Amino acid sequence: MKMAVWKCKKCGYLYDESIGDAKTGIKAGTKFEDIPSDWVCSRCGAGKNQFIRKEST
């Protein structure tokens, strides 16, 4: 199964589901929709609602 990549609209940080976000304790393989609703961008602090799914290339 292909994992998605999500981009923060405020700072451009990329959340890659296959990598996770060790800085905020999100394990590799965690789908974006499974991240807690109070999670914020580890770079700029934006909420989940500021992320958009990147189109596959």
C-alpha atoms as a PDB file:
ATOM      1  CA  MET A   1       0.000   0.000   0.000  1.00  0.00           C
ATOM      2  CA  LYS A   2       1.346   3.405  -1.000  1.00  0.00           C
ATOM      3  CA  MET A   3       1.651   5.930   1.779  1.00  0.00           C
ATOM      4  CA  ALA A   4       0.627   9.554   1.203  1.00  0.00           C
ATOM      5  CA  VAL A   5       2.590  12.763   1.688  1.00  0.00           C
ATOM      6  CA  TRP A   6       0.929  15.829   3.215  1.00  0.00           C
ATOM      7  CA  LYS A   7       2.217  19.409   2.883  1.00  0.00           C
ATOM      8  CA  CYS A   8       1.805  22.227   5.400  1.00  0.00           C
ATOM      9  CA  LYS A   9       0.295  25.238   3.613  1.00  0.00           C
ATOM     10  CA  LYS A  10       2.009  27.653   6.020  1.00  0.00           C
ATOM     11  CA  CYS A  11       5.642  26.505   5.931  1.00  0.00           C
ATOM     12  CA  GLY A  12       5.936  23.740   3.338  1.00  0.00           C
ATOM     13  CA  TYR A  13       6.826  20.979   5.830  1.00  0.00           C
ATOM     14  CA  LEU A  14       6.129  17.538   4.367  1.00  0.00           C
ATOM     15  CA  TYR A  15       4.561  14.829   6.513  1.00  0.00           C
ATOM     16  CA  ASP A  16       5.354  11.503   4.849  1.00  0.00           C
ATOM     17  CA  GLU A  17       3.176   8.696   6.235  1.00  0.00           C
ATOM     18  CA  SER A  18       5.918   6.143   5.540  1.00  0.00           C
ATOM     19  CA  ILE A  19       8.409   8.112   7.679  1.00  0.00           C
ATOM     20  CA  GLY A  20       6.161   9.596  10.377  1.00  0.00           C
ATOM     21  CA  ASP A  21       7.320  12.512  12.520  1.00  0.00           C
ATOM     22  CA  ALA A  22       9.754  11.396  15.212  1.00  0.00           C
ATOM     23  CA  LYS A  23      10.033  14.950  16.541  1.00  0.00           C
ATOM     24  CA  THR A  24       6.385  14.840  17.665  1.00  0.00           C
ATOM     25  CA  GLY A  25       6.222  11.108  18.424  1.00  0.00           C
ATOM     26  CA  ILE A  26       4.335   9.959  15.319  1.00  0.00           C
ATOM     27  CA  LYS A  27       5.595   6.514  14.278  1.00  0.00           C
ATOM     28  CA  ALA A  28       6.483   5.560  10.714  1.00  0.00           C
ATOM     29  CA  GLY A  29       3.493   4.115   8.876  1.00  0.00           C
ATOM     30  CA  THR A  30       0.947   6.349  10.640  1.00  0.00           C
ATOM     31  CA  LYS A  31      -1.736   7.552   8.217  1.00  0.00           C
ATOM     32  CA  PHE A  32      -2.433  11.287   8.411  1.00  0.00           C
ATOM     33  CA  GLU A  33      -6.063  10.703   9.390  1.00  0.00           C
ATOM     34  CA  ASP A  34      -4.879   8.556  12.333  1.00  0.00           C
ATOM     35  CA  ILE A  35      -2.754  11.358  13.831  1.00  0.00           C
ATOM     36  CA  PRO A  36      -4.463  12.908  16.894  1.00  0.00           C
ATOM     37  CA  SER A  37      -6.579  15.968  16.064  1.00  0.00           C
ATOM     38  CA  ASP A  38      -4.481  18.174  18.364  1.00  0.00           C
ATOM     39  CA  TRP A  39      -1.232  17.359  16.512  1.00  0.00           C
ATOM     40  CA  VAL A  40       0.546  20.379  15.020  1.00  0.00           C
ATOM     41  CA  CYS A  41       3.253  20.850  12.398  1.00  0.00           C
ATOM     42  CA  SER A  42       6.629  20.153  13.969  1.00  0.00           C
ATOM     43  CA  ARG A  43       8.150  23.071  12.055  1.00  0.00           C
ATOM     44  CA  CYS A  44       5.659  25.949  12.430  1.00  0.00           C
ATOM     45  CA  GLY A  45       2.912  24.769  14.792  1.00  0.00           C
ATOM     46  CA  ALA A  46       0.082  24.845  12.217  1.00  0.00           C
ATOM     47  CA  GLY A  47      -2.893  22.585  12.863  1.00  0.00           C
ATOM     48  CA  LYS A  48      -3.827  19.513  10.822  1.00  0.00           C
ATOM     49  CA  ASN A  49      -6.367  21.620   8.910  1.00  0.00           C
ATOM     50  CA  GLN A  50      -3.442  23.523   7.340  1.00  0.00           C
ATOM     51  CA  PHE A  51      -2.167  20.407   5.546  1.00  0.00           C
ATOM     52  CA  ILE A  52      -3.035  19.348   2.022  1.00  0.00           C
ATOM     53  CA  ARG A  53      -2.419  15.984   0.423  1.00  0.00           C
ATOM     54  CA  LYS A  54       0.313  16.161  -2.203  1.00  0.00           C
ATOM     55  CA  GLU A  55      -0.524  14.737  -5.593  1.00  0.00           C
ATOM     56  CA  SER A  56       1.484  11.701  -6.641  1.00  0.00           C
ATOM     57  CA  THR A  57       3.958  12.334  -9.427  1.00  0.00           C
END
